[in-house]
Amino acid sequence: MSVVHTRKDDPRSASLEEPYALPRSWFLETGDGLATSGMFLGGLIMVTRNRFLAWPSVVFGINSLINQHPLRQKESAAGWSNTGLCIVALFASYFPYFVVTKNPIV
C-alpha cells in the first residue's frame, strides 16, 4: 500500500475546502417586477400582434433600463435586452400597417 501525502498547495486536498459564498460585490436582490412584466408583454405582443399592449411594454422596458444596477449584477445587459425586445415588439405590431397588400388589414 502506498501512503498518500498531501501538500498545502494541492487543490484536491480536502483540508482546503471552503463553503460556497457569493462575492461581496454581488447583492442578492429580488427581481424587478416591471421588467418581468415588460418581457412578458413583449412576448405576448409578438404572438398576438396587439398594438395597444406595445406602448406599456416600451414604458416598462425603458423603466428597467433606467433602474438597472450594473455594479450590483453579474451581467448588466438585462435592461438593454428588455428594452430591445419591447421596441421590436412595438415594431412588429405596427409593421403590417406599412406593408402594401391587396387585401385590407382588419
N, C-alpha and C. Protein backbone atom coordinates (compact mmCIF):
# COMPACT_ATOMS: atom_id res chain seq x y z
N MET A 1 0.83 -1.17 0.00
CA MET A 1 0.00 0.00 0.00
C MET A 1 0.88 1.23 0.00
N SER A 2 0.40 2.21 -0.67
CA SER A 2 1.17 3.44 -0.71
C SER A 2 0.50 4.48 0.19
N VAL A 3 1.30 5.30 0.75
CA VAL A 3 0.82 6.36 1.62
C VAL A 3 0.68 7.62 0.79
N VAL A 4 -0.50 8.27 0.91
CA VAL A 4 -0.76 9.48 0.14
C VAL A 4 -0.36 10.68 0.99
N HIS A 5 0.53 11.47 0.46
CA HIS A 5 0.95 12.69 1.14
C HIS A 5 0.30 13.87 0.42
N THR A 6 -0.39 14.69 1.17
CA THR A 6 -1.00 15.87 0.57
C THR A 6 -0.16 17.10 0.91
N ARG A 7 -0.04 17.95 -0.09
CA ARG A 7 0.70 19.17 0.10
C ARG A 7 -0.28 20.30 0.39
N LYS A 8 0.22 21.38 0.92
CA LYS A 8 -0.62 22.53 1.27
C LYS A 8 -1.16 23.25 0.03
N ASP A 9 -0.46 23.17 -1.09
CA ASP A 9 -0.90 23.86 -2.29
C ASP A 9 -1.61 22.93 -3.28
N ASP A 10 -1.95 21.74 -2.87
CA ASP A 10 -2.65 20.80 -3.74
C ASP A 10 -4.14 21.16 -3.75
N PRO A 11 -4.71 21.52 -4.91
CA PRO A 11 -6.11 21.94 -4.95
C PRO A 11 -7.08 20.80 -4.68
N ARG A 12 -6.62 19.55 -4.74
CA ARG A 12 -7.50 18.41 -4.49
C ARG A 12 -7.58 18.06 -3.01
N SER A 13 -6.84 18.72 -2.18
CA SER A 13 -6.81 18.41 -0.76
C SER A 13 -8.14 18.76 -0.10
N ALA A 14 -8.70 17.82 0.65
CA ALA A 14 -9.98 18.04 1.32
C ALA A 14 -9.85 19.05 2.46
N SER A 15 -8.67 19.25 2.96
CA SER A 15 -8.50 20.21 4.06
C SER A 15 -8.60 21.66 3.59
N LEU A 16 -8.51 21.90 2.29
CA LEU A 16 -8.59 23.26 1.74
C LEU A 16 -10.00 23.63 1.32
N GLU A 17 -10.98 22.77 1.52
CA GLU A 17 -12.35 23.07 1.11
C GLU A 17 -12.95 24.18 1.98
N GLU A 18 -13.71 25.06 1.30
CA GLU A 18 -14.40 26.15 1.97
C GLU A 18 -15.84 26.18 1.49
N PRO A 19 -16.76 26.63 2.31
CA PRO A 19 -18.15 26.70 1.85
C PRO A 19 -18.32 27.76 0.76
N TYR A 20 -19.27 27.52 -0.13
CA TYR A 20 -19.53 28.45 -1.23
C TYR A 20 -20.18 29.72 -0.70
N ALA A 21 -19.68 30.85 -1.15
CA ALA A 21 -20.26 32.14 -0.78
C ALA A 21 -20.12 33.09 -1.97
N LEU A 22 -21.17 33.91 -2.17
CA LEU A 22 -21.11 34.89 -3.25
C LEU A 22 -20.11 35.99 -2.91
N PRO A 23 -19.49 36.60 -3.90
CA PRO A 23 -18.59 37.72 -3.63
C PRO A 23 -19.35 38.87 -2.96
N ARG A 24 -18.65 39.69 -2.24
CA ARG A 24 -19.29 40.79 -1.51
C ARG A 24 -19.87 41.85 -2.42
N SER A 25 -19.40 41.94 -3.66
CA SER A 25 -19.91 42.97 -4.55
C SER A 25 -21.24 42.59 -5.17
N TRP A 26 -21.68 41.35 -5.07
CA TRP A 26 -22.95 40.92 -5.63
C TRP A 26 -23.99 40.90 -4.52
N PHE A 27 -25.02 41.67 -4.68
CA PHE A 27 -26.10 41.71 -3.71
C PHE A 27 -27.23 40.81 -4.20
N LEU A 28 -27.84 40.13 -3.29
CA LEU A 28 -28.99 39.31 -3.64
C LEU A 28 -30.23 40.19 -3.63
N GLU A 29 -30.67 40.58 -4.82
CA GLU A 29 -31.83 41.44 -4.94
C GLU A 29 -32.99 40.64 -5.52
N THR A 30 -34.18 41.05 -5.22
CA THR A 30 -35.33 40.42 -5.83
C THR A 30 -35.44 40.91 -7.26
N GLY A 31 -36.14 40.16 -8.08
CA GLY A 31 -36.30 40.55 -9.46
C GLY A 31 -37.19 41.77 -9.61
N ASP A 32 -36.96 42.54 -10.64
CA ASP A 32 -37.75 43.73 -10.91
C ASP A 32 -39.06 43.30 -11.55
N GLY A 33 -40.15 43.59 -10.90
CA GLY A 33 -41.46 43.16 -11.39
C GLY A 33 -41.86 43.83 -12.68
N LEU A 34 -41.53 45.10 -12.85
CA LEU A 34 -41.88 45.80 -14.08
C LEU A 34 -41.06 45.29 -15.27
N ALA A 35 -39.82 44.93 -15.04
CA ALA A 35 -39.00 44.38 -16.12
C ALA A 35 -39.55 43.03 -16.56
N THR A 36 -39.96 42.23 -15.60
CA THR A 36 -40.56 40.94 -15.93
C THR A 36 -41.86 41.13 -16.68
N SER A 37 -42.66 42.11 -16.28
CA SER A 37 -43.92 42.39 -16.98
C SER A 37 -43.64 42.87 -18.40
N GLY A 38 -42.61 43.69 -18.57
CA GLY A 38 -42.25 44.15 -19.92
C GLY A 38 -41.82 43.01 -20.82
N MET A 39 -41.04 42.08 -20.29
CA MET A 39 -40.62 40.93 -21.09
C MET A 39 -41.83 40.06 -21.45
N PHE A 40 -42.73 39.85 -20.48
CA PHE A 40 -43.93 39.05 -20.74
C PHE A 40 -44.80 39.72 -21.79
N LEU A 41 -45.03 41.04 -21.65
CA LEU A 41 -45.83 41.75 -22.63
C LEU A 41 -45.17 41.76 -24.00
N GLY A 42 -43.84 41.88 -24.03
CA GLY A 42 -43.13 41.84 -25.31
C GLY A 42 -43.34 40.52 -26.04
N GLY A 43 -43.27 39.42 -25.31
CA GLY A 43 -43.53 38.12 -25.92
C GLY A 43 -44.98 37.96 -26.33
N LEU A 44 -45.90 38.47 -25.52
CA LEU A 44 -47.33 38.39 -25.83
C LEU A 44 -47.65 39.22 -27.07
N ILE A 45 -47.02 40.36 -27.22
CA ILE A 45 -47.25 41.21 -28.39
C ILE A 45 -46.73 40.54 -29.65
N MET A 46 -45.60 39.86 -29.55
CA MET A 46 -45.05 39.16 -30.72
C MET A 46 -46.01 38.07 -31.20
N VAL A 47 -46.71 37.44 -30.27
CA VAL A 47 -47.62 36.35 -30.64
C VAL A 47 -48.96 36.89 -31.11
N THR A 48 -49.53 37.86 -30.40
CA THR A 48 -50.88 38.32 -30.70
C THR A 48 -50.93 39.53 -31.62
N ARG A 49 -49.85 40.25 -31.80
CA ARG A 49 -49.78 41.47 -32.60
C ARG A 49 -50.75 42.54 -32.09
N ASN A 50 -50.95 42.58 -30.79
CA ASN A 50 -51.82 43.57 -30.17
C ASN A 50 -51.04 44.86 -29.98
N ARG A 51 -51.34 45.86 -30.78
CA ARG A 51 -50.55 47.09 -30.77
C ARG A 51 -50.84 47.96 -29.55
N PHE A 52 -51.97 47.73 -28.87
CA PHE A 52 -52.29 48.54 -27.69
C PHE A 52 -51.47 48.14 -26.48
N LEU A 53 -50.99 46.91 -26.44
CA LEU A 53 -50.11 46.48 -25.34
C LEU A 53 -48.66 46.85 -25.59
N ALA A 54 -48.34 47.28 -26.80
CA ALA A 54 -46.94 47.57 -27.13
C ALA A 54 -46.43 48.82 -26.42
N TRP A 55 -47.25 49.81 -26.26
CA TRP A 55 -46.79 51.05 -25.63
C TRP A 55 -46.48 50.89 -24.16
N PRO A 56 -47.34 50.24 -23.34
CA PRO A 56 -46.93 50.00 -21.95
C PRO A 56 -45.69 49.11 -21.85
N SER A 57 -45.54 48.20 -22.79
CA SER A 57 -44.36 47.35 -22.79
C SER A 57 -43.09 48.17 -23.00
N VAL A 58 -43.13 49.15 -23.89
CA VAL A 58 -41.97 50.02 -24.13
C VAL A 58 -41.69 50.86 -22.88
N VAL A 59 -42.74 51.33 -22.21
CA VAL A 59 -42.54 52.10 -20.97
C VAL A 59 -41.88 51.22 -19.91
N PHE A 60 -42.33 49.96 -19.78
CA PHE A 60 -41.71 49.04 -18.82
C PHE A 60 -40.26 48.75 -19.19
N GLY A 61 -39.97 48.65 -20.50
CA GLY A 61 -38.59 48.42 -20.94
C GLY A 61 -37.68 49.59 -20.61
N ILE A 62 -38.16 50.79 -20.84
CA ILE A 62 -37.36 51.98 -20.51
C ILE A 62 -37.16 52.08 -19.00
N ASN A 63 -38.19 51.73 -18.25
CA ASN A 63 -38.09 51.74 -16.79
C ASN A 63 -37.04 50.74 -16.31
N SER A 64 -36.99 49.57 -16.90
CA SER A 64 -35.98 48.59 -16.49
C SER A 64 -34.58 49.03 -16.88
N LEU A 65 -34.47 49.76 -17.99
CA LEU A 65 -33.16 50.29 -18.41
C LEU A 65 -32.68 51.36 -17.44
N ILE A 66 -33.59 52.22 -17.00
CA ILE A 66 -33.21 53.29 -16.09
C ILE A 66 -32.87 52.74 -14.70
N ASN A 67 -33.61 51.73 -14.25
CA ASN A 67 -33.45 51.23 -12.89
C ASN A 67 -32.46 50.08 -12.74
N GLN A 68 -31.67 49.79 -13.75
CA GLN A 68 -30.70 48.70 -13.61
C GLN A 68 -29.52 49.14 -12.73
N HIS A 69 -28.90 48.18 -12.08
CA HIS A 69 -27.73 48.42 -11.23
C HIS A 69 -26.56 47.62 -11.79
N PRO A 70 -25.80 48.18 -12.72
CA PRO A 70 -24.75 47.38 -13.36
C PRO A 70 -23.63 46.96 -12.41
N LEU A 71 -23.39 47.71 -11.36
CA LEU A 71 -22.32 47.32 -10.44
C LEU A 71 -22.77 46.24 -9.47
N ARG A 72 -24.06 46.01 -9.37
CA ARG A 72 -24.57 45.01 -8.44
C ARG A 72 -24.93 43.70 -9.11
N GLN A 73 -24.85 43.63 -10.42
CA GLN A 73 -25.26 42.44 -11.14
C GLN A 73 -24.06 41.80 -11.81
N LYS A 74 -24.17 40.50 -12.02
CA LYS A 74 -23.11 39.78 -12.72
C LYS A 74 -23.09 40.16 -14.19
N GLU A 75 -24.26 40.26 -14.79
CA GLU A 75 -24.37 40.66 -16.19
C GLU A 75 -25.27 41.88 -16.24
N SER A 76 -24.77 42.98 -16.74
CA SER A 76 -25.52 44.23 -16.68
C SER A 76 -26.28 44.53 -17.95
N ALA A 77 -26.43 43.59 -18.87
CA ALA A 77 -27.13 43.86 -20.13
C ALA A 77 -28.61 43.56 -20.06
N ALA A 78 -29.16 43.27 -18.88
CA ALA A 78 -30.56 42.88 -18.77
C ALA A 78 -31.49 44.03 -19.16
N GLY A 79 -31.18 45.24 -18.82
CA GLY A 79 -32.03 46.38 -19.18
C GLY A 79 -32.06 46.63 -20.67
N TRP A 80 -30.92 46.47 -21.33
CA TRP A 80 -30.87 46.69 -22.77
C TRP A 80 -31.62 45.61 -23.54
N SER A 81 -31.50 44.37 -23.12
CA SER A 81 -32.20 43.31 -23.84
C SER A 81 -33.70 43.43 -23.65
N ASN A 82 -34.13 43.82 -22.46
CA ASN A 82 -35.56 44.01 -22.22
C ASN A 82 -36.10 45.15 -23.06
N THR A 83 -35.40 46.28 -23.09
CA THR A 83 -35.84 47.42 -23.88
C THR A 83 -35.83 47.09 -25.37
N GLY A 84 -34.82 46.37 -25.81
CA GLY A 84 -34.77 45.97 -27.22
C GLY A 84 -35.92 45.07 -27.62
N LEU A 85 -36.26 44.12 -26.76
CA LEU A 85 -37.40 43.24 -27.05
C LEU A 85 -38.69 44.04 -27.11
N CYS A 86 -38.87 44.99 -26.22
CA CYS A 86 -40.10 45.79 -26.21
C CYS A 86 -40.20 46.67 -27.45
N ILE A 87 -39.09 47.23 -27.90
CA ILE A 87 -39.11 48.06 -29.10
C ILE A 87 -39.35 47.22 -30.35
N VAL A 88 -38.76 46.04 -30.41
CA VAL A 88 -39.01 45.15 -31.54
C VAL A 88 -40.45 44.67 -31.55
N ALA A 89 -41.03 44.44 -30.38
CA ALA A 89 -42.44 44.06 -30.30
C ALA A 89 -43.33 45.20 -30.79
N LEU A 90 -42.97 46.44 -30.45
CA LEU A 90 -43.71 47.60 -30.94
C LEU A 90 -43.62 47.67 -32.47
N PHE A 91 -42.44 47.47 -32.99
CA PHE A 91 -42.25 47.48 -34.44
C PHE A 91 -43.05 46.36 -35.10
N ALA A 92 -43.02 45.17 -34.51
CA ALA A 92 -43.74 44.02 -35.09
C ALA A 92 -45.25 44.22 -35.06
N SER A 93 -45.74 44.95 -34.08
CA SER A 93 -47.19 45.15 -34.02
C SER A 93 -47.67 46.18 -35.05
N TYR A 94 -46.84 47.15 -35.41
CA TYR A 94 -47.23 48.18 -36.37
C TYR A 94 -46.72 47.89 -37.79
N PHE A 95 -45.85 46.94 -37.96
CA PHE A 95 -45.26 46.66 -39.28
C PHE A 95 -46.30 46.28 -40.34
N PRO A 96 -47.33 45.48 -40.03
CA PRO A 96 -48.30 45.14 -41.07
C PRO A 96 -49.04 46.33 -41.66
N TYR A 97 -49.11 47.45 -40.98
CA TYR A 97 -49.79 48.63 -41.50
C TYR A 97 -48.97 49.36 -42.55
N PHE A 98 -47.69 49.10 -42.61
CA PHE A 98 -46.83 49.77 -43.59
C PHE A 98 -46.50 48.90 -44.79
N VAL A 99 -46.98 47.68 -44.78
CA VAL A 99 -46.76 46.77 -45.91
C VAL A 99 -47.94 46.89 -46.85
N VAL A 100 -47.68 47.06 -48.13
CA VAL A 100 -48.74 47.20 -49.12
C VAL A 100 -49.26 45.81 -49.49
N THR A 101 -50.54 45.60 -49.28
CA THR A 101 -51.17 44.32 -49.64
C THR A 101 -52.41 44.58 -50.45
N LYS A 102 -52.91 43.55 -51.13
CA LYS A 102 -54.14 43.67 -51.92
C LYS A 102 -55.37 43.65 -51.01
N ASN A 103 -55.28 42.89 -49.92
CA ASN A 103 -56.42 42.80 -49.01
C ASN A 103 -56.23 43.78 -47.87
N PRO A 104 -57.27 44.50 -47.45
CA PRO A 104 -57.10 45.42 -46.32
C PRO A 104 -56.93 44.65 -45.01
N ILE A 105 -56.13 45.22 -44.10
CA ILE A 105 -55.89 44.62 -42.81
C ILE A 105 -57.00 45.07 -41.86
N VAL A 106 -57.59 44.10 -41.21
CA VAL A 106 -58.69 44.41 -40.30
C VAL A 106 -58.19 44.54 -38.89
